[in-house]
N, C-alpha and C. Protein backbone atom coordinates (compact mmCIF):
# COMPACT_ATOMS: atom_id res chain seq x y z
N UNK A 1 62.22 83.40 15.30
CA UNK A 1 61.92 82.05 15.68
C UNK A 1 63.14 81.19 15.37
N UNK A 2 63.64 80.47 16.35
CA UNK A 2 64.82 79.62 16.13
C UNK A 2 64.38 78.22 15.70
N UNK A 3 65.20 77.63 14.86
CA UNK A 3 64.91 76.27 14.39
C UNK A 3 65.43 75.26 15.40
N UNK A 4 64.66 74.25 15.67
CA UNK A 4 65.07 73.21 16.60
C UNK A 4 65.69 72.08 15.79
N UNK A 5 66.86 71.67 16.17
CA UNK A 5 67.53 70.59 15.48
C UNK A 5 67.26 69.30 16.23
N UNK A 6 66.72 68.34 15.51
CA UNK A 6 66.43 67.04 16.09
C UNK A 6 67.27 66.02 15.36
N UNK A 7 68.08 65.31 16.10
CA UNK A 7 68.89 64.26 15.50
C UNK A 7 68.03 63.03 15.30
N UNK A 8 68.13 62.44 14.14
CA UNK A 8 67.38 61.21 13.89
C UNK A 8 68.29 60.01 14.14
N UNK A 9 67.68 58.96 14.55
CA UNK A 9 68.40 57.72 14.77
C UNK A 9 68.21 56.86 13.53
N UNK A 10 69.30 56.42 12.94
CA UNK A 10 69.22 55.57 11.76
C UNK A 10 69.88 54.25 12.07
N UNK A 11 69.15 53.18 11.85
CA UNK A 11 69.70 51.83 11.98
C UNK A 11 70.40 51.51 10.68
N UNK A 12 71.70 51.35 10.72
CA UNK A 12 72.46 51.15 9.49
C UNK A 12 72.10 49.84 8.80
N UNK A 13 71.65 48.85 9.56
CA UNK A 13 71.29 47.59 8.95
C UNK A 13 70.05 47.74 8.08
N UNK A 14 69.07 48.50 8.56
CA UNK A 14 67.84 48.62 7.78
C UNK A 14 67.81 49.89 6.94
N UNK A 15 68.71 50.84 7.21
CA UNK A 15 68.86 52.00 6.36
C UNK A 15 67.70 52.97 6.34
N UNK A 16 67.02 53.14 7.45
CA UNK A 16 65.94 54.11 7.52
C UNK A 16 65.86 54.68 8.93
N UNK A 17 65.18 55.81 9.03
CA UNK A 17 65.03 56.45 10.33
C UNK A 17 64.17 55.59 11.25
N UNK A 18 64.56 55.54 12.51
CA UNK A 18 63.83 54.73 13.48
C UNK A 18 62.91 55.61 14.33
N UNK A 19 61.76 55.06 14.69
CA UNK A 19 60.84 55.79 15.55
C UNK A 19 60.68 55.13 16.92
N UNK A 20 61.29 53.95 17.09
CA UNK A 20 61.25 53.26 18.38
C UNK A 20 59.97 52.51 18.67
N UNK A 21 59.06 52.44 17.72
CA UNK A 21 57.78 51.78 17.96
C UNK A 21 57.84 50.30 17.60
N UNK A 22 57.10 49.51 18.38
CA UNK A 22 56.99 48.07 18.10
C UNK A 22 55.52 47.67 18.03
N UNK A 23 55.26 46.72 17.16
CA UNK A 23 53.96 46.06 17.14
C UNK A 23 54.17 44.68 17.71
N UNK A 24 53.40 44.34 18.73
CA UNK A 24 53.50 43.04 19.38
C UNK A 24 52.26 42.24 18.99
N UNK A 25 52.48 41.20 18.18
CA UNK A 25 51.40 40.36 17.67
C UNK A 25 51.37 39.09 18.50
N UNK A 26 50.30 38.88 19.25
CA UNK A 26 50.24 37.82 20.25
C UNK A 26 49.24 36.72 19.87
N UNK A 27 49.77 35.53 19.66
CA UNK A 27 48.95 34.33 19.52
C UNK A 27 48.86 33.76 20.93
N UNK A 28 47.94 34.28 21.72
CA UNK A 28 47.92 34.03 23.17
C UNK A 28 47.79 32.54 23.49
N UNK A 29 47.04 31.81 22.71
CA UNK A 29 46.84 30.39 23.01
C UNK A 29 48.14 29.59 22.89
N UNK A 30 49.07 30.07 22.05
CA UNK A 30 50.35 29.40 21.89
C UNK A 30 51.27 29.62 23.09
N UNK A 31 50.97 30.63 23.89
CA UNK A 31 51.83 30.97 25.02
C UNK A 31 51.42 30.31 26.33
N UNK A 32 50.26 29.67 26.37
CA UNK A 32 49.67 29.21 27.63
C UNK A 32 50.41 28.08 28.33
N UNK A 33 50.94 27.14 27.57
CA UNK A 33 51.59 25.98 28.18
C UNK A 33 50.62 24.87 28.53
N UNK A 34 49.39 24.99 28.04
CA UNK A 34 48.37 23.95 28.22
C UNK A 34 47.31 24.15 27.14
N UNK A 35 46.41 23.20 27.03
CA UNK A 35 45.33 23.33 26.06
C UNK A 35 44.49 24.56 26.41
N UNK A 36 44.12 25.37 25.42
CA UNK A 36 43.36 26.60 25.71
C UNK A 36 42.08 26.36 26.51
N UNK A 37 41.37 25.27 26.25
CA UNK A 37 40.12 25.03 26.97
C UNK A 37 40.36 24.68 28.44
N UNK A 38 41.59 24.32 28.80
CA UNK A 38 41.93 24.03 30.19
C UNK A 38 42.45 25.24 30.95
N UNK A 39 42.77 26.30 30.22
CA UNK A 39 43.40 27.48 30.83
C UNK A 39 42.36 28.40 31.47
N UNK A 40 42.63 28.77 32.68
CA UNK A 40 41.76 29.73 33.37
C UNK A 40 42.10 31.15 32.90
N UNK A 41 41.28 32.09 33.29
CA UNK A 41 41.57 33.49 33.00
C UNK A 41 42.90 33.90 33.60
N UNK A 42 43.26 33.33 34.74
CA UNK A 42 44.55 33.64 35.38
C UNK A 42 45.72 33.22 34.50
N UNK A 43 45.61 32.08 33.83
CA UNK A 43 46.69 31.61 32.95
C UNK A 43 46.86 32.59 31.79
N UNK A 44 45.75 33.05 31.21
CA UNK A 44 45.82 34.04 30.14
C UNK A 44 46.49 35.32 30.63
N UNK A 45 46.11 35.77 31.82
CA UNK A 45 46.70 37.00 32.37
C UNK A 45 48.19 36.85 32.64
N UNK A 46 48.59 35.70 33.18
CA UNK A 46 50.01 35.47 33.43
C UNK A 46 50.77 35.42 32.10
N UNK A 47 50.19 34.81 31.07
CA UNK A 47 50.85 34.73 29.76
C UNK A 47 51.13 36.13 29.22
N UNK A 48 50.13 37.00 29.24
CA UNK A 48 50.31 38.37 28.73
C UNK A 48 51.26 39.15 29.62
N UNK A 49 51.15 38.99 30.93
CA UNK A 49 52.04 39.70 31.86
C UNK A 49 53.49 39.29 31.70
N UNK A 50 53.74 37.99 31.58
CA UNK A 50 55.12 37.52 31.39
C UNK A 50 55.69 38.02 30.07
N UNK A 51 54.88 38.00 29.03
CA UNK A 51 55.33 38.52 27.74
C UNK A 51 55.69 39.99 27.85
N UNK A 52 54.79 40.78 28.41
CA UNK A 52 55.04 42.22 28.55
C UNK A 52 56.31 42.50 29.35
N UNK A 53 56.50 41.76 30.43
CA UNK A 53 57.71 41.94 31.25
C UNK A 53 58.97 41.56 30.48
N UNK A 54 58.95 40.42 29.82
CA UNK A 54 60.15 39.92 29.14
C UNK A 54 60.57 40.79 27.97
N UNK A 55 59.62 41.40 27.26
CA UNK A 55 59.99 42.23 26.11
C UNK A 55 60.08 43.70 26.47
N UNK A 56 59.75 44.06 27.71
CA UNK A 56 59.78 45.46 28.11
C UNK A 56 58.71 46.28 27.40
N UNK A 57 57.50 45.74 27.36
CA UNK A 57 56.39 46.42 26.68
C UNK A 57 56.18 47.80 27.27
N UNK A 58 56.04 48.81 26.40
CA UNK A 58 55.85 50.20 26.81
C UNK A 58 54.52 50.69 26.24
N UNK A 59 53.52 50.91 27.11
CA UNK A 59 52.19 51.35 26.66
C UNK A 59 52.24 52.64 25.85
N UNK A 60 53.18 53.49 26.14
CA UNK A 60 53.28 54.76 25.43
C UNK A 60 53.93 54.67 24.07
N UNK A 61 54.59 53.56 23.79
CA UNK A 61 55.33 53.42 22.54
C UNK A 61 54.83 52.25 21.71
N UNK A 62 54.56 51.15 22.35
CA UNK A 62 54.26 49.91 21.65
C UNK A 62 52.75 49.71 21.48
N UNK A 63 52.40 48.92 20.49
CA UNK A 63 51.00 48.54 20.27
C UNK A 63 50.93 47.02 20.32
N UNK A 64 49.84 46.50 20.90
CA UNK A 64 49.67 45.06 21.00
C UNK A 64 48.38 44.64 20.31
N UNK A 65 48.48 43.55 19.56
CA UNK A 65 47.32 42.89 18.96
C UNK A 65 47.31 41.48 19.51
N UNK A 66 46.18 41.06 20.07
CA UNK A 66 46.04 39.72 20.61
C UNK A 66 44.98 38.99 19.80
N UNK A 67 45.31 37.77 19.39
CA UNK A 67 44.35 36.96 18.63
C UNK A 67 44.00 35.71 19.41
N UNK A 68 42.73 35.32 19.29
CA UNK A 68 42.24 34.14 20.00
C UNK A 68 41.05 33.56 19.24
N UNK A 69 40.73 32.32 19.55
CA UNK A 69 39.51 31.75 18.97
C UNK A 69 38.31 32.31 19.73
N UNK A 70 37.10 32.21 19.16
CA UNK A 70 35.94 32.83 19.82
C UNK A 70 35.68 32.34 21.24
N UNK A 71 35.99 31.08 21.53
CA UNK A 71 35.74 30.56 22.87
C UNK A 71 36.67 31.15 23.92
N UNK A 72 37.79 31.70 23.48
CA UNK A 72 38.77 32.29 24.41
C UNK A 72 38.79 33.81 24.37
N UNK A 73 37.92 34.41 23.59
CA UNK A 73 37.97 35.86 23.38
C UNK A 73 37.84 36.66 24.68
N UNK A 74 36.92 36.27 25.55
CA UNK A 74 36.74 37.03 26.79
C UNK A 74 37.96 36.91 27.70
N UNK A 75 38.54 35.73 27.78
CA UNK A 75 39.75 35.55 28.60
C UNK A 75 40.91 36.36 28.02
N UNK A 76 41.06 36.33 26.70
CA UNK A 76 42.14 37.06 26.04
C UNK A 76 41.98 38.56 26.24
N UNK A 77 40.75 39.06 26.08
CA UNK A 77 40.52 40.49 26.27
C UNK A 77 40.72 40.90 27.73
N UNK A 78 40.29 40.05 28.65
CA UNK A 78 40.49 40.34 30.07
C UNK A 78 41.97 40.40 30.44
N UNK A 79 42.78 39.59 29.78
CA UNK A 79 44.21 39.56 30.06
C UNK A 79 44.94 40.75 29.45
N UNK A 80 44.40 41.30 28.38
CA UNK A 80 45.06 42.41 27.67
C UNK A 80 44.02 43.43 27.23
N UNK A 81 43.39 44.12 28.18
CA UNK A 81 42.32 45.07 27.81
C UNK A 81 42.82 46.25 26.98
N UNK A 82 44.12 46.52 27.04
CA UNK A 82 44.72 47.62 26.29
C UNK A 82 45.00 47.25 24.83
N UNK A 83 44.89 45.97 24.50
CA UNK A 83 45.27 45.48 23.17
C UNK A 83 44.07 45.46 22.23
N UNK A 84 44.38 45.50 20.96
CA UNK A 84 43.38 45.25 19.93
C UNK A 84 43.15 43.74 19.89
N UNK A 85 41.92 43.31 19.86
CA UNK A 85 41.59 41.90 19.89
C UNK A 85 41.11 41.43 18.52
N UNK A 86 41.72 40.36 18.02
CA UNK A 86 41.28 39.70 16.79
C UNK A 86 40.70 38.35 17.17
N UNK A 87 39.57 38.01 16.60
CA UNK A 87 38.91 36.75 16.90
C UNK A 87 38.59 36.07 15.57
N UNK A 88 39.02 34.82 15.45
CA UNK A 88 38.69 34.05 14.25
C UNK A 88 38.56 32.59 14.64
N UNK A 89 37.52 31.96 14.12
CA UNK A 89 37.30 30.54 14.43
C UNK A 89 38.01 29.67 13.40
N UNK A 90 38.02 28.39 13.69
CA UNK A 90 38.60 27.42 12.77
C UNK A 90 39.99 27.00 13.19
N UNK A 91 40.50 25.99 12.49
CA UNK A 91 41.85 25.51 12.76
C UNK A 91 42.84 26.64 12.47
N UNK A 92 43.67 26.94 13.42
CA UNK A 92 44.65 28.03 13.31
C UNK A 92 44.01 29.38 13.01
N UNK A 93 42.78 29.58 13.45
CA UNK A 93 42.09 30.83 13.18
C UNK A 93 42.80 32.05 13.74
N UNK A 94 43.25 31.96 14.98
CA UNK A 94 43.96 33.10 15.59
C UNK A 94 45.26 33.37 14.85
N UNK A 95 45.98 32.31 14.50
CA UNK A 95 47.23 32.46 13.74
C UNK A 95 46.98 33.17 12.41
N UNK A 96 45.96 32.72 11.70
CA UNK A 96 45.65 33.29 10.39
C UNK A 96 45.24 34.76 10.52
N UNK A 97 44.48 35.08 11.57
CA UNK A 97 44.08 36.48 11.78
C UNK A 97 45.31 37.36 11.98
N UNK A 98 46.25 36.90 12.78
CA UNK A 98 47.49 37.68 12.99
C UNK A 98 48.32 37.76 11.72
N UNK A 99 48.46 36.65 11.02
CA UNK A 99 49.24 36.66 9.77
C UNK A 99 48.64 37.65 8.78
N UNK A 100 47.31 37.68 8.68
CA UNK A 100 46.67 38.65 7.78
C UNK A 100 47.03 40.08 8.16
N UNK A 101 47.05 40.38 9.46
CA UNK A 101 47.44 41.72 9.91
C UNK A 101 48.91 42.01 9.58
N UNK A 102 49.76 41.02 9.76
CA UNK A 102 51.19 41.22 9.52
C UNK A 102 51.54 41.26 8.04
N UNK A 103 50.63 40.87 7.18
CA UNK A 103 50.86 40.95 5.74
C UNK A 103 50.74 42.38 5.21
N UNK A 104 50.27 43.30 6.01
CA UNK A 104 50.16 44.70 5.61
C UNK A 104 51.52 45.38 5.77
N UNK A 105 52.49 44.86 5.04
CA UNK A 105 53.90 45.20 5.26
C UNK A 105 54.21 46.67 4.99
N UNK A 106 53.67 47.24 3.92
CA UNK A 106 53.95 48.66 3.63
C UNK A 106 53.46 49.54 4.78
N UNK A 107 52.27 49.26 5.27
CA UNK A 107 51.70 50.02 6.39
C UNK A 107 52.56 49.84 7.66
N UNK A 108 52.93 48.59 7.94
CA UNK A 108 53.71 48.31 9.15
C UNK A 108 55.09 48.99 9.09
N UNK A 109 55.72 48.96 7.93
CA UNK A 109 57.07 49.53 7.84
C UNK A 109 57.06 51.05 7.97
N UNK A 110 55.92 51.68 7.71
CA UNK A 110 55.81 53.13 7.93
C UNK A 110 55.63 53.47 9.41
N UNK A 111 55.03 52.57 10.16
CA UNK A 111 54.66 52.87 11.54
C UNK A 111 55.58 52.28 12.60
N UNK A 112 56.27 51.17 12.29
CA UNK A 112 57.01 50.43 13.31
C UNK A 112 58.44 50.14 12.86
N UNK A 113 59.31 49.99 13.85
CA UNK A 113 60.68 49.56 13.60
C UNK A 113 60.84 48.07 13.82
N UNK A 114 60.00 47.53 14.67
CA UNK A 114 60.15 46.13 15.07
C UNK A 114 58.78 45.49 15.20
N UNK A 115 58.72 44.24 14.78
CA UNK A 115 57.53 43.43 14.97
C UNK A 115 57.92 42.31 15.92
N UNK A 116 57.17 42.18 17.01
CA UNK A 116 57.38 41.08 17.95
C UNK A 116 56.27 40.06 17.68
N UNK A 117 56.66 38.87 17.29
CA UNK A 117 55.72 37.78 17.08
C UNK A 117 55.74 36.93 18.35
N UNK A 118 54.67 36.99 19.10
CA UNK A 118 54.59 36.23 20.35
C UNK A 118 53.88 34.91 20.06
N UNK A 119 54.63 33.99 19.53
CA UNK A 119 54.16 32.66 19.18
C UNK A 119 55.36 31.87 18.69
N UNK A 120 55.28 30.58 18.83
CA UNK A 120 56.32 29.72 18.28
C UNK A 120 55.83 28.95 17.08
N UNK A 121 54.64 29.28 16.59
CA UNK A 121 53.97 28.51 15.55
C UNK A 121 54.62 28.68 14.17
N UNK A 122 54.70 27.57 13.44
CA UNK A 122 55.29 27.56 12.10
C UNK A 122 54.54 28.45 11.11
N UNK A 123 53.28 28.75 11.38
CA UNK A 123 52.50 29.56 10.45
C UNK A 123 53.06 30.98 10.30
N UNK A 124 53.90 31.40 11.21
CA UNK A 124 54.45 32.75 11.14
C UNK A 124 55.76 32.83 10.34
N UNK A 125 56.29 31.72 9.90
CA UNK A 125 57.57 31.72 9.17
C UNK A 125 57.50 32.55 7.89
N UNK A 126 56.52 32.32 7.01
CA UNK A 126 56.50 33.11 5.76
C UNK A 126 56.35 34.61 5.99
N UNK A 127 55.48 34.99 6.92
CA UNK A 127 55.28 36.42 7.15
C UNK A 127 56.52 37.03 7.82
N UNK A 128 57.20 36.28 8.68
CA UNK A 128 58.44 36.79 9.29
C UNK A 128 59.48 37.03 8.21
N UNK A 129 59.56 36.15 7.24
CA UNK A 129 60.51 36.34 6.13
C UNK A 129 60.18 37.61 5.33
N UNK A 130 58.90 37.83 5.07
CA UNK A 130 58.52 39.03 4.31
C UNK A 130 58.76 40.31 5.12
N UNK A 131 58.53 40.25 6.43
CA UNK A 131 58.80 41.42 7.27
C UNK A 131 60.28 41.75 7.27
N UNK A 132 61.12 40.74 7.40
CA UNK A 132 62.57 40.98 7.36
C UNK A 132 62.99 41.50 5.99
N UNK A 133 62.36 40.99 4.94
CA UNK A 133 62.66 41.48 3.59
C UNK A 133 62.32 42.95 3.42
N UNK A 134 61.36 43.44 4.21
CA UNK A 134 60.99 44.85 4.20
C UNK A 134 61.83 45.66 5.18
N UNK A 135 62.86 45.05 5.72
CA UNK A 135 63.81 45.68 6.64
C UNK A 135 63.21 46.04 8.00
N UNK A 136 62.22 45.28 8.40
CA UNK A 136 61.71 45.41 9.76
C UNK A 136 62.43 44.40 10.64
N UNK A 137 62.74 44.79 11.86
CA UNK A 137 63.34 43.87 12.82
C UNK A 137 62.25 42.94 13.32
N UNK A 138 62.54 41.64 13.36
CA UNK A 138 61.57 40.65 13.80
C UNK A 138 62.12 39.96 15.05
N UNK A 139 61.37 40.08 16.13
CA UNK A 139 61.69 39.39 17.37
C UNK A 139 60.60 38.36 17.60
N UNK A 140 60.99 37.16 17.99
CA UNK A 140 60.03 36.12 18.33
C UNK A 140 60.11 35.90 19.83
N UNK A 141 58.95 35.96 20.49
CA UNK A 141 58.86 35.67 21.92
C UNK A 141 57.99 34.43 22.05
N UNK A 142 58.56 33.38 22.62
CA UNK A 142 57.83 32.10 22.68
C UNK A 142 58.39 31.22 23.78
N UNK A 143 57.58 30.24 24.16
CA UNK A 143 58.09 29.16 25.00
C UNK A 143 59.02 28.35 24.12
N UNK A 144 60.21 28.07 24.60
CA UNK A 144 61.18 27.36 23.76
C UNK A 144 60.73 25.96 23.38
N UNK A 145 59.90 25.34 24.22
CA UNK A 145 59.42 24.00 23.90
C UNK A 145 58.37 23.99 22.78
N UNK A 146 57.90 25.17 22.40
CA UNK A 146 56.91 25.25 21.32
C UNK A 146 57.39 26.12 20.16
N UNK A 147 58.68 26.44 20.12
CA UNK A 147 59.23 27.32 19.10
C UNK A 147 59.67 26.53 17.88
N UNK A 148 59.05 26.79 16.75
CA UNK A 148 59.42 26.16 15.49
C UNK A 148 60.84 26.56 15.10
N UNK A 149 61.64 25.59 14.68
CA UNK A 149 63.04 25.86 14.34
C UNK A 149 63.21 26.86 13.21
N UNK A 150 62.37 26.79 12.20
CA UNK A 150 62.47 27.74 11.08
C UNK A 150 62.12 29.15 11.53
N UNK A 151 61.14 29.28 12.40
CA UNK A 151 60.78 30.60 12.92
C UNK A 151 61.93 31.15 13.78
N UNK A 152 62.53 30.29 14.56
CA UNK A 152 63.68 30.71 15.38
C UNK A 152 64.81 31.24 14.51
N UNK A 153 65.11 30.55 13.41
CA UNK A 153 66.19 30.99 12.51
C UNK A 153 65.82 32.27 11.76
N UNK A 154 64.55 32.50 11.53
CA UNK A 154 64.10 33.69 10.80
C UNK A 154 64.17 34.95 11.66
N UNK A 155 64.15 34.80 12.96
CA UNK A 155 64.10 35.96 13.87
C UNK A 155 65.44 36.65 14.00
N UNK A 156 65.38 37.96 14.17
CA UNK A 156 66.58 38.74 14.52
C UNK A 156 66.93 38.51 15.98
N UNK A 157 65.92 38.24 16.80
CA UNK A 157 66.13 37.97 18.23
C UNK A 157 65.02 37.04 18.71
N UNK A 158 65.33 36.26 19.73
CA UNK A 158 64.36 35.36 20.35
C UNK A 158 64.32 35.67 21.84
N UNK A 159 63.10 35.79 22.38
CA UNK A 159 62.90 36.01 23.80
C UNK A 159 62.21 34.76 24.34
N UNK A 160 62.85 34.08 25.27
CA UNK A 160 62.28 32.86 25.86
C UNK A 160 61.24 33.23 26.90
N UNK A 161 60.08 32.61 26.79
CA UNK A 161 59.00 32.83 27.74
C UNK A 161 58.78 31.57 28.58
N UNK A 162 58.47 31.74 29.85
CA UNK A 162 58.12 30.58 30.69
C UNK A 162 56.69 30.13 30.39
N UNK A 163 56.35 28.97 30.87
CA UNK A 163 54.99 28.46 30.72
C UNK A 163 54.11 29.03 31.83
N UNK A 164 53.08 29.81 31.47
CA UNK A 164 52.19 30.35 32.50
C UNK A 164 51.48 29.25 33.30
N UNK A 165 51.09 28.18 32.62
CA UNK A 165 50.42 27.09 33.32
C UNK A 165 51.35 26.48 34.37
N UNK A 166 52.61 26.29 34.02
CA UNK A 166 53.57 25.74 34.97
C UNK A 166 53.84 26.75 36.09
N UNK A 167 53.92 28.02 35.76
CA UNK A 167 54.16 29.06 36.77
C UNK A 167 53.04 29.04 37.82
N UNK A 168 51.81 28.95 37.35
CA UNK A 168 50.68 28.96 38.29
C UNK A 168 50.59 27.67 39.08
N UNK A 169 50.93 26.54 38.48
CA UNK A 169 50.88 25.29 39.24
C UNK A 169 51.99 25.22 40.29
N UNK A 170 53.12 25.89 40.01
CA UNK A 170 54.19 25.95 41.00
C UNK A 170 53.81 26.86 42.16
N UNK A 171 53.01 27.88 41.85
CA UNK A 171 52.61 28.83 42.89
C UNK A 171 51.50 28.28 43.76
N UNK A 172 50.81 27.26 43.29
CA UNK A 172 49.67 26.71 44.04
C UNK A 172 50.10 25.88 45.22
């Protein structure tokens, strides 16, 4: 029986073997470009589709978690049926649900090379700092008009997203 030699890819900046996997954490309501209660299911779908296109989402490699408030849960799930859905009520409920997931840093660093935070909200600044401290690459994907400056500076990379609401109104 011959031994198969597999070369590992090591990112010298983070100093560990890479597996190429990304976790995409989506605060979908932050991506809409309008108040969530005004957004149709089409706006939610365009938001998820534009995000997936812009970051090169790969179903075979990447995992997506989408968070929404209970009133938007069906629209969020319809827009991303392949994603894990988190639902939490209250002020910044979806943000807090995602932040709680992203606080599992030891688990995340074993499974992923990169965390994509799809939101421009300031609530993600502390968790982005802790993720980077654990040597995970942090990419922020957001509408630039809603991107918090501290979150922008904390990111290793920023992906600009268009406004789905504006995209659909231009198409009408």
